[in-house]
Amino acid sequence: MNHYIFFTPEGYAESPNESEVFTLQVLGYEHGDTPEAARERLIANNRWIIDGGFNVEMIKWNELSR
């Protein structure tokens, strides 16, 4: 199985001087035979992603090397 990191451009962080900084938000790590299967597992195991209002279609991923 392949391992993936999942992230989204939705959201922002706050810098030390309290200004908004638009960043990629890491949603988690998951494994699967395909990135789509791993994304489904990520969402099933982390309902806060949907409850938090993240758009599943905006979720991106990169395969992690071993």
N, C-alpha and C. Protein backbone atom coordinates (compact mmCIF):
# COMPACT_ATOMS: atom_id res chain seq x y z
N MET A 1 0.84 -1.19 0.00
CA MET A 1 0.00 0.00 0.00
C MET A 1 0.88 1.24 0.00
N ASN A 2 0.34 2.28 -0.58
CA ASN A 2 1.03 3.56 -0.63
C ASN A 2 0.59 4.44 0.53
N HIS A 3 1.46 5.34 0.94
CA HIS A 3 1.17 6.27 2.03
C HIS A 3 1.11 7.68 1.46
N TYR A 4 0.15 8.47 1.95
CA TYR A 4 -0.10 9.81 1.41
C TYR A 4 -0.24 10.83 2.54
N ILE A 5 0.12 12.07 2.22
CA ILE A 5 -0.20 13.21 3.07
C ILE A 5 -1.31 13.98 2.37
N PHE A 6 -2.31 14.41 3.13
CA PHE A 6 -3.45 15.13 2.57
C PHE A 6 -3.47 16.55 3.12
N PHE A 7 -3.75 17.51 2.22
CA PHE A 7 -3.74 18.91 2.61
C PHE A 7 -4.76 19.68 1.79
N THR A 8 -5.07 20.88 2.23
CA THR A 8 -6.03 21.72 1.53
C THR A 8 -5.58 23.18 1.56
N PRO A 9 -5.90 23.95 0.53
CA PRO A 9 -5.59 25.38 0.55
C PRO A 9 -6.64 26.18 1.32
N GLU A 10 -7.69 25.51 1.81
CA GLU A 10 -8.73 26.20 2.56
C GLU A 10 -8.20 26.56 3.96
N GLY A 11 -8.58 27.70 4.43
CA GLY A 11 -8.20 28.11 5.77
C GLY A 11 -6.98 29.01 5.79
N TYR A 12 -6.57 29.36 6.99
CA TYR A 12 -5.43 30.24 7.17
C TYR A 12 -4.85 30.01 8.56
N ALA A 13 -3.69 30.55 8.78
CA ALA A 13 -3.03 30.52 10.09
C ALA A 13 -2.83 31.95 10.55
N GLU A 14 -2.48 32.10 11.81
CA GLU A 14 -2.19 33.43 12.34
C GLU A 14 -0.71 33.52 12.64
N SER A 15 -0.08 34.58 12.14
CA SER A 15 1.35 34.77 12.36
C SER A 15 1.59 35.30 13.79
N PRO A 16 2.85 35.31 14.22
CA PRO A 16 3.15 35.84 15.56
C PRO A 16 2.70 37.30 15.76
N ASN A 17 2.64 38.07 14.68
CA ASN A 17 2.18 39.47 14.84
C ASN A 17 0.68 39.59 14.61
N GLU A 18 -0.01 38.43 14.66
CA GLU A 18 -1.47 38.34 14.60
C GLU A 18 -2.09 38.72 13.26
N SER A 19 -1.33 38.60 12.17
CA SER A 19 -1.92 38.82 10.85
C SER A 19 -2.25 37.46 10.23
N GLU A 20 -3.23 37.46 9.33
CA GLU A 20 -3.63 36.24 8.66
C GLU A 20 -2.61 35.85 7.61
N VAL A 21 -2.25 34.58 7.58
CA VAL A 21 -1.31 34.05 6.60
C VAL A 21 -2.02 32.87 5.93
N PHE A 22 -2.17 32.94 4.63
CA PHE A 22 -2.81 31.84 3.92
C PHE A 22 -1.79 30.75 3.66
N THR A 23 -2.11 29.56 4.12
CA THR A 23 -1.19 28.43 4.05
C THR A 23 -1.95 27.18 3.62
N LEU A 24 -1.21 26.13 3.38
CA LEU A 24 -1.83 24.83 3.17
C LEU A 24 -2.05 24.20 4.54
N GLN A 25 -3.22 23.65 4.75
CA GLN A 25 -3.57 23.01 6.01
C GLN A 25 -3.40 21.50 5.85
N VAL A 26 -2.54 20.90 6.66
CA VAL A 26 -2.37 19.45 6.62
C VAL A 26 -3.56 18.83 7.35
N LEU A 27 -4.25 17.93 6.66
CA LEU A 27 -5.41 17.26 7.24
C LEU A 27 -5.05 15.91 7.84
N GLY A 28 -4.00 15.29 7.35
CA GLY A 28 -3.61 14.01 7.92
C GLY A 28 -2.84 13.16 6.94
N TYR A 29 -2.57 11.95 7.41
CA TYR A 29 -1.81 10.96 6.65
C TYR A 29 -2.65 9.69 6.59
N GLU A 30 -2.58 9.00 5.47
CA GLU A 30 -3.34 7.76 5.34
C GLU A 30 -2.70 6.88 4.29
N HIS A 31 -3.08 5.61 4.28
CA HIS A 31 -2.56 4.67 3.29
C HIS A 31 -3.71 4.07 2.48
N GLY A 32 -3.38 3.57 1.30
CA GLY A 32 -4.37 2.94 0.44
C GLY A 32 -3.73 2.49 -0.86
N ASP A 33 -4.46 1.69 -1.60
CA ASP A 33 -3.95 1.22 -2.90
C ASP A 33 -3.90 2.36 -3.91
N THR A 34 -4.82 3.32 -3.77
CA THR A 34 -4.85 4.49 -4.64
C THR A 34 -5.02 5.73 -3.76
N PRO A 35 -4.69 6.92 -4.28
CA PRO A 35 -4.91 8.12 -3.47
C PRO A 35 -6.38 8.32 -3.13
N GLU A 36 -7.26 7.96 -4.05
CA GLU A 36 -8.69 8.12 -3.80
C GLU A 36 -9.16 7.22 -2.66
N ALA A 37 -8.67 5.99 -2.64
CA ALA A 37 -9.03 5.06 -1.56
C ALA A 37 -8.49 5.56 -0.23
N ALA A 38 -7.28 6.09 -0.24
CA ALA A 38 -6.70 6.62 0.99
C ALA A 38 -7.47 7.85 1.46
N ARG A 39 -7.91 8.69 0.52
CA ARG A 39 -8.71 9.88 0.89
C ARG A 39 -10.03 9.46 1.52
N GLU A 40 -10.67 8.44 0.97
CA GLU A 40 -11.91 7.94 1.56
C GLU A 40 -11.67 7.44 2.98
N ARG A 41 -10.57 6.74 3.20
CA ARG A 41 -10.22 6.25 4.54
C ARG A 41 -9.95 7.42 5.48
N LEU A 42 -9.24 8.44 4.98
CA LEU A 42 -8.95 9.62 5.78
C LEU A 42 -10.23 10.27 6.28
N ILE A 43 -11.18 10.46 5.39
CA ILE A 43 -12.44 11.12 5.75
C ILE A 43 -13.26 10.24 6.68
N ALA A 44 -13.29 8.94 6.42
CA ALA A 44 -14.05 8.03 7.29
C ALA A 44 -13.49 8.01 8.70
N ASN A 45 -12.18 8.14 8.84
CA ASN A 45 -11.53 8.08 10.15
C ASN A 45 -11.41 9.44 10.83
N ASN A 46 -11.77 10.50 10.11
CA ASN A 46 -11.62 11.87 10.64
C ASN A 46 -12.83 12.71 10.27
N ARG A 47 -13.95 12.44 10.92
CA ARG A 47 -15.19 13.14 10.60
C ARG A 47 -15.08 14.65 10.80
N TRP A 48 -14.12 15.10 11.59
CA TRP A 48 -13.95 16.53 11.83
C TRP A 48 -13.66 17.28 10.54
N ILE A 49 -13.14 16.58 9.52
CA ILE A 49 -12.85 17.24 8.24
C ILE A 49 -14.15 17.76 7.63
N ILE A 50 -15.17 16.90 7.58
CA ILE A 50 -16.48 17.30 7.05
C ILE A 50 -17.17 18.25 8.02
N ASP A 51 -17.15 17.90 9.32
CA ASP A 51 -17.80 18.74 10.33
C ASP A 51 -17.19 20.14 10.38
N GLY A 52 -15.91 20.25 10.07
CA GLY A 52 -15.23 21.54 10.07
C GLY A 52 -15.50 22.38 8.83
N GLY A 53 -16.20 21.79 7.86
CA GLY A 53 -16.58 22.55 6.66
C GLY A 53 -15.59 22.50 5.52
N PHE A 54 -14.58 21.61 5.61
CA PHE A 54 -13.64 21.50 4.50
C PHE A 54 -14.33 20.86 3.29
N ASN A 55 -14.01 21.37 2.13
CA ASN A 55 -14.56 20.86 0.87
C ASN A 55 -13.71 19.67 0.42
N VAL A 56 -14.31 18.50 0.37
CA VAL A 56 -13.58 17.28 0.01
C VAL A 56 -12.94 17.39 -1.37
N GLU A 57 -13.57 18.11 -2.26
CA GLU A 57 -13.03 18.27 -3.62
C GLU A 57 -11.76 19.12 -3.64
N MET A 58 -11.54 19.89 -2.60
CA MET A 58 -10.34 20.74 -2.54
C MET A 58 -9.14 20.02 -1.94
N ILE A 59 -9.36 18.82 -1.40
CA ILE A 59 -8.27 18.09 -0.75
C ILE A 59 -7.28 17.59 -1.80
N LYS A 60 -6.02 17.90 -1.58
CA LYS A 60 -4.91 17.47 -2.45
C LYS A 60 -4.08 16.47 -1.69
N TRP A 61 -3.19 15.78 -2.41
CA TRP A 61 -2.32 14.80 -1.76
C TRP A 61 -1.00 14.67 -2.47
N ASN A 62 -0.05 14.18 -1.73
CA ASN A 62 1.24 13.78 -2.29
C ASN A 62 1.57 12.42 -1.72
N GLU A 63 2.13 11.57 -2.55
CA GLU A 63 2.56 10.27 -2.07
C GLU A 63 3.87 10.44 -1.30
N LEU A 64 3.95 9.76 -0.17
CA LEU A 64 5.16 9.81 0.64
C LEU A 64 6.08 8.69 0.22
N SER A 65 7.36 8.98 0.15
CA SER A 65 8.32 7.93 -0.19
C SER A 65 8.78 7.25 1.10
N ARG A 66 9.27 6.07 0.94
CA ARG A 66 9.71 5.31 2.11
C ARG A 66 11.20 5.33 2.22
